[in-house]
N, C-alpha and C. Protein backbone atom coordinates (compact mmCIF):
# COMPACT_ATOMS: atom_id res chain seq x y z
N UNK A 1 7.64 3.96 6.28
CA UNK A 1 7.78 4.73 5.05
C UNK A 1 8.93 4.21 4.20
N UNK A 2 9.87 3.48 4.82
CA UNK A 2 10.95 2.91 4.04
C UNK A 2 10.42 1.93 3.00
N UNK A 3 9.27 1.33 3.25
CA UNK A 3 8.68 0.38 2.31
C UNK A 3 7.70 1.08 1.37
N UNK A 4 6.81 1.89 1.89
CA UNK A 4 5.73 2.47 1.08
C UNK A 4 6.00 3.89 0.61
N UNK A 5 7.08 4.50 1.05
CA UNK A 5 7.31 5.92 0.79
C UNK A 5 7.67 6.28 -0.63
N UNK A 6 8.02 5.33 -1.45
CA UNK A 6 8.41 5.63 -2.83
C UNK A 6 7.18 5.60 -3.73
N UNK A 7 7.02 6.59 -4.58
CA UNK A 7 5.82 6.76 -5.39
C UNK A 7 5.41 5.51 -6.16
N UNK A 8 6.33 4.90 -6.84
CA UNK A 8 5.97 3.76 -7.69
C UNK A 8 5.53 2.55 -6.88
N UNK A 9 5.96 2.44 -5.64
CA UNK A 9 5.56 1.30 -4.82
C UNK A 9 4.05 1.29 -4.64
N UNK A 10 3.47 2.41 -4.35
CA UNK A 10 2.02 2.48 -4.16
C UNK A 10 1.30 2.18 -5.47
N UNK A 11 1.85 2.62 -6.58
CA UNK A 11 1.25 2.35 -7.89
C UNK A 11 1.28 0.84 -8.17
N UNK A 12 2.39 0.20 -7.88
CA UNK A 12 2.49 -1.26 -8.08
C UNK A 12 1.46 -1.97 -7.20
N UNK A 13 1.38 -1.58 -5.94
CA UNK A 13 0.41 -2.20 -5.05
C UNK A 13 -1.02 -1.99 -5.53
N UNK A 14 -1.32 -0.80 -6.02
CA UNK A 14 -2.66 -0.54 -6.56
C UNK A 14 -2.98 -1.54 -7.66
N UNK A 15 -2.07 -1.74 -8.58
CA UNK A 15 -2.31 -2.66 -9.69
C UNK A 15 -2.53 -4.09 -9.20
N UNK A 16 -1.70 -4.53 -8.27
CA UNK A 16 -1.84 -5.90 -7.78
C UNK A 16 -3.15 -6.05 -7.01
N UNK A 17 -3.53 -5.06 -6.21
CA UNK A 17 -4.82 -5.11 -5.53
C UNK A 17 -5.98 -5.17 -6.52
N UNK A 18 -5.80 -4.56 -7.69
CA UNK A 18 -6.86 -4.58 -8.70
C UNK A 18 -6.82 -5.85 -9.55
N UNK A 19 -5.91 -6.76 -9.23
CA UNK A 19 -5.87 -8.04 -9.93
C UNK A 19 -4.88 -8.13 -11.07
N UNK A 20 -4.06 -7.12 -11.27
CA UNK A 20 -3.04 -7.13 -12.32
C UNK A 20 -1.80 -7.72 -11.68
N UNK A 21 -1.37 -8.91 -12.13
CA UNK A 21 -0.32 -9.64 -11.42
C UNK A 21 0.93 -9.92 -12.23
N UNK A 22 0.86 -9.76 -13.52
CA UNK A 22 2.00 -10.12 -14.36
C UNK A 22 2.81 -8.88 -14.74
N UNK A 23 4.12 -9.06 -14.78
CA UNK A 23 5.05 -7.95 -14.98
C UNK A 23 4.64 -7.04 -16.14
N UNK A 24 4.49 -7.62 -17.34
CA UNK A 24 4.18 -6.79 -18.51
C UNK A 24 2.84 -6.09 -18.38
N UNK A 25 1.89 -6.75 -17.74
CA UNK A 25 0.57 -6.11 -17.54
C UNK A 25 0.67 -4.95 -16.56
N UNK A 26 1.41 -5.15 -15.47
CA UNK A 26 1.59 -4.05 -14.51
C UNK A 26 2.26 -2.87 -15.20
N UNK A 27 3.32 -3.17 -15.96
CA UNK A 27 4.07 -2.12 -16.65
C UNK A 27 3.17 -1.36 -17.63
N UNK A 28 2.36 -2.08 -18.37
CA UNK A 28 1.48 -1.45 -19.36
C UNK A 28 0.38 -0.63 -18.68
N UNK A 29 -0.25 -1.17 -17.65
CA UNK A 29 -1.34 -0.47 -16.95
C UNK A 29 -0.87 0.79 -16.27
N UNK A 30 0.31 0.72 -15.64
CA UNK A 30 0.77 1.83 -14.81
C UNK A 30 1.78 2.74 -15.50
N UNK A 31 2.33 2.31 -16.63
CA UNK A 31 3.31 3.13 -17.32
C UNK A 31 4.63 3.25 -16.57
N UNK A 32 5.00 2.21 -15.85
CA UNK A 32 6.23 2.23 -15.06
C UNK A 32 7.41 1.79 -15.92
N UNK A 33 8.52 2.50 -15.86
CA UNK A 33 9.71 2.04 -16.57
C UNK A 33 10.12 0.63 -16.10
N UNK A 34 10.59 -0.18 -17.02
CA UNK A 34 10.92 -1.58 -16.75
C UNK A 34 11.83 -1.75 -15.53
N UNK A 35 12.94 -1.02 -15.47
CA UNK A 35 13.88 -1.20 -14.36
C UNK A 35 13.28 -0.77 -13.03
N UNK A 36 12.50 0.29 -13.05
CA UNK A 36 11.84 0.74 -11.82
C UNK A 36 10.89 -0.34 -11.33
N UNK A 37 10.10 -0.91 -12.23
CA UNK A 37 9.16 -1.97 -11.85
C UNK A 37 9.91 -3.18 -11.31
N UNK A 38 10.98 -3.57 -11.96
CA UNK A 38 11.79 -4.69 -11.49
C UNK A 38 12.25 -4.45 -10.06
N UNK A 39 12.76 -3.25 -9.81
CA UNK A 39 13.25 -2.92 -8.47
C UNK A 39 12.13 -2.92 -7.43
N UNK A 40 10.99 -2.34 -7.77
CA UNK A 40 9.88 -2.27 -6.81
C UNK A 40 9.34 -3.66 -6.50
N UNK A 41 9.15 -4.47 -7.52
CA UNK A 41 8.65 -5.83 -7.29
C UNK A 41 9.63 -6.62 -6.42
N UNK A 42 10.91 -6.50 -6.71
CA UNK A 42 11.92 -7.21 -5.91
C UNK A 42 11.86 -6.78 -4.46
N UNK A 43 11.76 -5.48 -4.22
CA UNK A 43 11.74 -5.00 -2.83
C UNK A 43 10.45 -5.44 -2.12
N UNK A 44 9.33 -5.45 -2.82
CA UNK A 44 8.07 -5.88 -2.19
C UNK A 44 8.08 -7.37 -1.90
N UNK A 45 8.74 -8.16 -2.74
CA UNK A 45 8.91 -9.59 -2.46
C UNK A 45 9.84 -9.76 -1.27
N UNK A 46 10.92 -9.01 -1.26
CA UNK A 46 11.93 -9.12 -0.19
C UNK A 46 11.34 -8.84 1.19
N UNK A 47 10.44 -7.88 1.30
CA UNK A 47 9.86 -7.55 2.61
C UNK A 47 8.58 -8.34 2.90
N UNK A 48 8.23 -9.26 2.01
CA UNK A 48 7.10 -10.16 2.28
C UNK A 48 5.73 -9.60 2.01
N UNK A 49 5.64 -8.56 1.19
CA UNK A 49 4.33 -8.00 0.83
C UNK A 49 3.76 -8.70 -0.40
N UNK A 50 4.63 -9.06 -1.31
CA UNK A 50 4.24 -9.83 -2.49
C UNK A 50 5.01 -11.14 -2.48
N UNK A 51 4.45 -12.13 -3.18
CA UNK A 51 5.17 -13.37 -3.42
C UNK A 51 5.14 -13.67 -4.91
N UNK A 52 6.20 -14.29 -5.39
CA UNK A 52 6.27 -14.68 -6.79
C UNK A 52 5.66 -16.07 -6.92
N UNK A 53 4.77 -16.22 -7.90
CA UNK A 53 4.12 -17.50 -8.17
C UNK A 53 4.37 -17.82 -9.64
N UNK A 54 4.97 -18.98 -9.92
CA UNK A 54 5.25 -19.31 -11.32
C UNK A 54 3.97 -19.61 -12.11
N UNK A 55 3.98 -19.24 -13.38
CA UNK A 55 2.92 -19.61 -14.31
C UNK A 55 3.56 -19.85 -15.66
N UNK A 56 2.85 -20.54 -16.50
CA UNK A 56 3.38 -20.81 -17.84
C UNK A 56 2.24 -20.81 -18.84
N UNK A 57 2.29 -19.87 -19.76
CA UNK A 57 1.32 -19.83 -20.85
C UNK A 57 1.70 -20.91 -21.85
N UNK A 58 0.72 -21.43 -22.58
CA UNK A 58 0.98 -22.48 -23.57
C UNK A 58 2.08 -22.06 -24.53
N UNK A 59 3.08 -22.92 -24.68
CA UNK A 59 4.16 -22.67 -25.62
C UNK A 59 5.18 -21.63 -25.19
N UNK A 60 5.07 -21.13 -23.98
CA UNK A 60 5.99 -20.08 -23.51
C UNK A 60 6.81 -20.61 -22.34
N UNK A 61 7.83 -19.87 -22.00
CA UNK A 61 8.65 -20.24 -20.85
C UNK A 61 7.92 -19.91 -19.55
N UNK A 62 8.37 -20.50 -18.47
CA UNK A 62 7.79 -20.23 -17.16
C UNK A 62 8.17 -18.83 -16.72
N UNK A 63 7.19 -18.11 -16.23
CA UNK A 63 7.39 -16.76 -15.72
C UNK A 63 6.78 -16.67 -14.34
N UNK A 64 6.86 -15.50 -13.74
CA UNK A 64 6.29 -15.30 -12.40
C UNK A 64 5.21 -14.24 -12.46
N UNK A 65 4.20 -14.45 -11.64
CA UNK A 65 3.25 -13.38 -11.38
C UNK A 65 3.37 -13.04 -9.91
N UNK A 66 2.84 -11.90 -9.54
CA UNK A 66 3.02 -11.37 -8.19
C UNK A 66 1.68 -11.32 -7.48
N UNK A 67 1.65 -11.95 -6.32
CA UNK A 67 0.42 -12.00 -5.53
C UNK A 67 0.67 -11.45 -4.14
N UNK A 68 -0.35 -10.86 -3.58
CA UNK A 68 -0.26 -10.31 -2.23
C UNK A 68 -0.17 -11.43 -1.20
N UNK A 69 0.69 -11.26 -0.23
CA UNK A 69 0.76 -12.16 0.91
C UNK A 69 -0.24 -11.68 1.95
N UNK A 70 -0.36 -12.40 3.05
CA UNK A 70 -1.22 -11.95 4.15
C UNK A 70 -0.75 -10.57 4.64
N UNK A 71 0.55 -10.39 4.71
CA UNK A 71 1.12 -9.09 5.12
C UNK A 71 0.72 -8.00 4.13
N UNK A 72 0.77 -8.31 2.85
CA UNK A 72 0.39 -7.34 1.83
C UNK A 72 -1.09 -7.00 1.87
N UNK A 73 -1.93 -8.01 2.10
CA UNK A 73 -3.37 -7.77 2.17
C UNK A 73 -3.74 -6.82 3.31
N UNK A 74 -2.93 -6.80 4.37
CA UNK A 74 -3.19 -5.89 5.48
C UNK A 74 -3.04 -4.43 5.09
N UNK A 75 -2.44 -4.16 3.95
CA UNK A 75 -2.29 -2.78 3.48
C UNK A 75 -3.57 -2.24 2.83
N UNK A 76 -4.54 -3.09 2.58
CA UNK A 76 -5.75 -2.64 1.89
C UNK A 76 -6.44 -1.44 2.54
N UNK A 77 -6.66 -1.43 3.86
CA UNK A 77 -7.32 -0.25 4.45
C UNK A 77 -6.54 1.05 4.22
N UNK A 78 -5.22 0.96 4.21
CA UNK A 78 -4.40 2.15 3.98
C UNK A 78 -4.63 2.67 2.57
N UNK A 79 -4.59 1.77 1.59
CA UNK A 79 -4.78 2.18 0.20
C UNK A 79 -6.20 2.67 -0.05
N UNK A 80 -7.18 2.04 0.61
CA UNK A 80 -8.56 2.52 0.48
C UNK A 80 -8.72 3.91 1.08
N UNK A 81 -8.05 4.16 2.21
CA UNK A 81 -8.13 5.49 2.84
C UNK A 81 -7.49 6.55 1.95
N UNK A 82 -6.34 6.24 1.36
CA UNK A 82 -5.68 7.19 0.46
C UNK A 82 -6.56 7.44 -0.76
N UNK A 83 -7.17 6.39 -1.28
CA UNK A 83 -8.08 6.54 -2.43
C UNK A 83 -9.27 7.42 -2.08
N UNK A 84 -9.85 7.19 -0.91
CA UNK A 84 -11.02 7.99 -0.49
C UNK A 84 -10.64 9.46 -0.36
N UNK A 85 -9.46 9.74 0.18
CA UNK A 85 -9.00 11.12 0.29
C UNK A 85 -8.88 11.74 -1.10
N UNK A 86 -8.25 11.02 -2.01
CA UNK A 86 -8.12 11.52 -3.38
C UNK A 86 -9.46 11.74 -4.05
N UNK A 87 -10.40 10.82 -3.81
CA UNK A 87 -11.74 10.96 -4.40
C UNK A 87 -12.44 12.21 -3.86
N UNK A 88 -12.26 12.50 -2.59
CA UNK A 88 -12.90 13.69 -2.00
C UNK A 88 -12.27 14.99 -2.50
N UNK A 89 -10.98 14.99 -2.69
CA UNK A 89 -10.28 16.25 -2.95
C UNK A 89 -9.75 16.43 -4.37
N UNK A 90 -9.61 15.35 -5.12
CA UNK A 90 -8.95 15.45 -6.42
C UNK A 90 -9.70 14.82 -7.59
N UNK A 91 -10.84 14.21 -7.34
CA UNK A 91 -11.56 13.52 -8.41
C UNK A 91 -12.11 14.51 -9.44
N UNK A 92 -12.33 14.02 -10.63
CA UNK A 92 -12.97 14.82 -11.67
C UNK A 92 -14.37 15.23 -11.22
N UNK A 93 -14.91 16.30 -11.78
CA UNK A 93 -16.26 16.74 -11.40
C UNK A 93 -17.32 15.63 -11.58
N UNK A 94 -17.08 14.72 -12.53
CA UNK A 94 -18.02 13.62 -12.75
C UNK A 94 -17.95 12.58 -11.64
N UNK A 95 -16.86 12.60 -10.87
CA UNK A 95 -16.70 11.63 -9.79
C UNK A 95 -15.43 10.83 -9.96
N UNK A 96 -15.19 9.90 -9.04
CA UNK A 96 -13.96 9.11 -9.09
C UNK A 96 -13.96 8.15 -10.28
N UNK A 97 -12.75 7.78 -10.68
CA UNK A 97 -12.59 6.85 -11.81
C UNK A 97 -12.92 5.41 -11.43
N UNK A 98 -12.82 5.08 -10.16
CA UNK A 98 -13.09 3.72 -9.70
C UNK A 98 -13.78 3.79 -8.36
N UNK A 99 -14.73 2.89 -8.16
CA UNK A 99 -15.40 2.78 -6.87
C UNK A 99 -15.12 1.40 -6.30
N UNK A 100 -15.03 1.33 -4.98
CA UNK A 100 -14.80 0.06 -4.31
C UNK A 100 -16.05 -0.31 -3.54
N UNK A 101 -16.51 -1.54 -3.75
CA UNK A 101 -17.76 -2.00 -3.15
C UNK A 101 -17.56 -3.36 -2.48
N UNK A 102 -18.46 -3.67 -1.58
CA UNK A 102 -18.49 -4.97 -0.92
C UNK A 102 -19.04 -6.00 -1.92
N UNK A 103 -18.26 -7.05 -2.18
CA UNK A 103 -18.72 -8.08 -3.13
C UNK A 103 -20.04 -8.71 -2.69
N UNK A 104 -20.25 -8.82 -1.39
CA UNK A 104 -21.43 -9.49 -0.87
C UNK A 104 -22.73 -8.75 -1.11
N UNK A 105 -22.71 -7.41 -1.02
CA UNK A 105 -23.97 -6.66 -1.14
C UNK A 105 -23.92 -5.55 -2.18
N UNK A 106 -22.73 -5.21 -2.66
CA UNK A 106 -22.61 -4.18 -3.68
C UNK A 106 -22.54 -2.75 -3.16
N UNK A 107 -22.58 -2.58 -1.85
CA UNK A 107 -22.52 -1.22 -1.28
C UNK A 107 -21.09 -0.71 -1.26
N UNK A 108 -20.95 0.62 -1.39
CA UNK A 108 -19.63 1.25 -1.39
C UNK A 108 -18.94 1.08 -0.04
N UNK A 109 -17.62 0.99 -0.11
CA UNK A 109 -16.80 0.85 1.09
C UNK A 109 -16.44 2.22 1.64
N UNK A 110 -16.17 2.25 2.92
CA UNK A 110 -15.57 3.42 3.55
C UNK A 110 -14.69 2.92 4.69
N UNK A 111 -13.65 3.67 4.98
CA UNK A 111 -12.70 3.31 6.02
C UNK A 111 -13.03 4.11 7.27
N UNK A 112 -13.04 3.44 8.41
CA UNK A 112 -13.35 4.09 9.68
C UNK A 112 -12.19 3.91 10.65
N UNK A 113 -12.09 4.83 11.60
CA UNK A 113 -11.14 4.70 12.69
C UNK A 113 -11.96 4.45 13.95
N UNK A 114 -11.66 3.34 14.62
CA UNK A 114 -12.37 2.98 15.85
C UNK A 114 -11.36 2.58 16.92
N UNK A 115 -11.71 2.86 18.15
CA UNK A 115 -10.86 2.40 19.26
C UNK A 115 -11.27 0.98 19.64
N UNK A 116 -10.52 0.37 20.55
CA UNK A 116 -10.80 -1.00 20.97
C UNK A 116 -12.16 -1.12 21.66
N UNK A 117 -12.70 -0.03 22.18
CA UNK A 117 -14.02 -0.04 22.80
C UNK A 117 -15.16 0.10 21.78
N UNK A 118 -14.78 0.34 20.52
CA UNK A 118 -15.79 0.45 19.47
C UNK A 118 -16.24 1.86 19.14
N UNK A 119 -15.63 2.86 19.77
CA UNK A 119 -16.01 4.25 19.47
C UNK A 119 -15.48 4.64 18.10
N UNK A 120 -16.35 5.18 17.27
CA UNK A 120 -15.93 5.69 15.96
C UNK A 120 -15.36 7.10 16.14
N UNK A 121 -14.17 7.32 15.59
CA UNK A 121 -13.51 8.61 15.71
C UNK A 121 -13.60 9.33 14.37
N UNK A 122 -14.44 10.33 14.30
CA UNK A 122 -14.64 11.08 13.06
C UNK A 122 -13.72 12.29 12.95
N UNK A 123 -13.23 12.77 14.06
CA UNK A 123 -12.38 13.95 14.08
C UNK A 123 -10.95 13.53 14.37
N UNK A 124 -10.01 13.80 13.48
CA UNK A 124 -8.62 13.40 13.72
C UNK A 124 -8.05 13.93 15.04
N UNK A 125 -8.62 15.02 15.57
CA UNK A 125 -8.13 15.56 16.84
C UNK A 125 -8.51 14.68 18.03
N UNK A 126 -9.35 13.67 17.80
CA UNK A 126 -9.72 12.74 18.88
C UNK A 126 -8.65 11.66 19.09
N UNK A 127 -7.66 11.61 18.23
CA UNK A 127 -6.60 10.60 18.32
C UNK A 127 -5.40 11.20 19.02
N UNK A 128 -4.86 10.46 19.97
CA UNK A 128 -3.68 10.91 20.71
C UNK A 128 -2.58 9.87 20.52
N UNK A 129 -1.36 10.33 20.40
CA UNK A 129 -0.22 9.42 20.32
C UNK A 129 0.51 9.40 21.64
N UNK A 130 0.94 8.22 22.05
CA UNK A 130 1.71 8.11 23.29
C UNK A 130 2.78 7.04 23.09
N UNK A 131 3.82 7.09 23.90
CA UNK A 131 4.89 6.11 23.75
C UNK A 131 4.37 4.69 23.94
N UNK A 132 4.82 3.81 23.08
CA UNK A 132 4.46 2.40 23.18
C UNK A 132 5.57 1.60 23.83
N UNK A 133 5.39 0.30 23.92
CA UNK A 133 6.38 -0.53 24.60
C UNK A 133 7.75 -0.54 23.93
N UNK A 134 7.82 -0.21 22.66
CA UNK A 134 9.11 -0.19 21.97
C UNK A 134 9.74 1.19 21.89
N UNK A 135 9.17 2.16 22.59
CA UNK A 135 9.68 3.54 22.53
C UNK A 135 11.08 3.62 23.13
N UNK A 136 11.90 4.45 22.53
CA UNK A 136 13.25 4.70 23.02
C UNK A 136 13.37 6.18 23.32
N UNK A 137 14.22 6.54 24.30
CA UNK A 137 14.41 7.97 24.59
C UNK A 137 14.93 8.70 23.35
N UNK A 138 14.45 9.91 23.15
CA UNK A 138 14.87 10.72 22.00
C UNK A 138 16.23 11.33 22.29
N UNK A 139 17.13 11.16 21.36
CA UNK A 139 18.44 11.82 21.41
C UNK A 139 18.66 12.38 20.02
N UNK A 140 18.79 13.71 19.94
CA UNK A 140 18.97 14.28 18.61
C UNK A 140 20.37 13.96 18.08
N UNK A 141 20.51 13.97 16.79
CA UNK A 141 21.75 13.54 16.12
C UNK A 141 22.94 14.40 16.55
N UNK A 142 22.74 15.70 16.73
CA UNK A 142 23.85 16.58 17.12
C UNK A 142 24.32 16.26 18.53
N UNK A 143 23.42 16.02 19.45
CA UNK A 143 23.79 15.68 20.81
C UNK A 143 24.53 14.35 20.85
N UNK A 144 24.08 13.39 20.05
CA UNK A 144 24.74 12.09 19.99
C UNK A 144 26.17 12.24 19.46
N UNK A 145 26.32 13.10 18.45
CA UNK A 145 27.65 13.33 17.87
C UNK A 145 28.58 13.98 18.89
N UNK A 146 28.07 14.99 19.63
CA UNK A 146 28.90 15.65 20.66
C UNK A 146 29.31 14.67 21.75
N UNK A 147 28.40 13.79 22.12
CA UNK A 147 28.70 12.82 23.19
C UNK A 147 29.73 11.80 22.75
N UNK A 148 29.81 11.52 21.47
CA UNK A 148 30.76 10.51 21.00
C UNK A 148 32.18 11.06 20.83
N UNK A 149 32.36 12.36 20.95
CA UNK A 149 33.70 12.99 20.78
C UNK A 149 34.56 12.80 21.97
C-alpha cells in the first residue's frame, strides 16, 4: 500500500495502462495538478513500475514519456479487478464508461481467483491466509516500547 495507496497513483497507472504516456497528456486526461503528477511519476519510476523513455517531437526539445515495466504490467489484474468492482457497484445505469476486451477475440475480460490446483474460487470466504516464509512474530508497538525501557 506504500506504493499504490495514494489516490493519484492509481489514476496515473490507469492512464498509462490506457496508452497515455506523456506528462501533459496524463495531466490533461486525469486533471492531476502538475506537482502531484511530477511526484507520482517520480515515485513510480523510483520503485520500478514505470520507466522514462526519451522522445523528441519535430522542432522541440527532448522529453520523456512513461512506460510500464514488467513489474508495472503485473499490476494489470489488480486494476482490472478494481475496475470490475466499480462497474458492478458504481457504474451509470447505462453501463460502464469503458470495457476491457481480449484483443485476440474481442470478448470481455474478467478476473478470476484460482489456486495452484486450478480450482476457481468464487466465494471470498474460500480463501484462507496463513503465515508465509517471511512472517515475523507479532509484537504490538506498546509492548515493544515497554520492553525497550
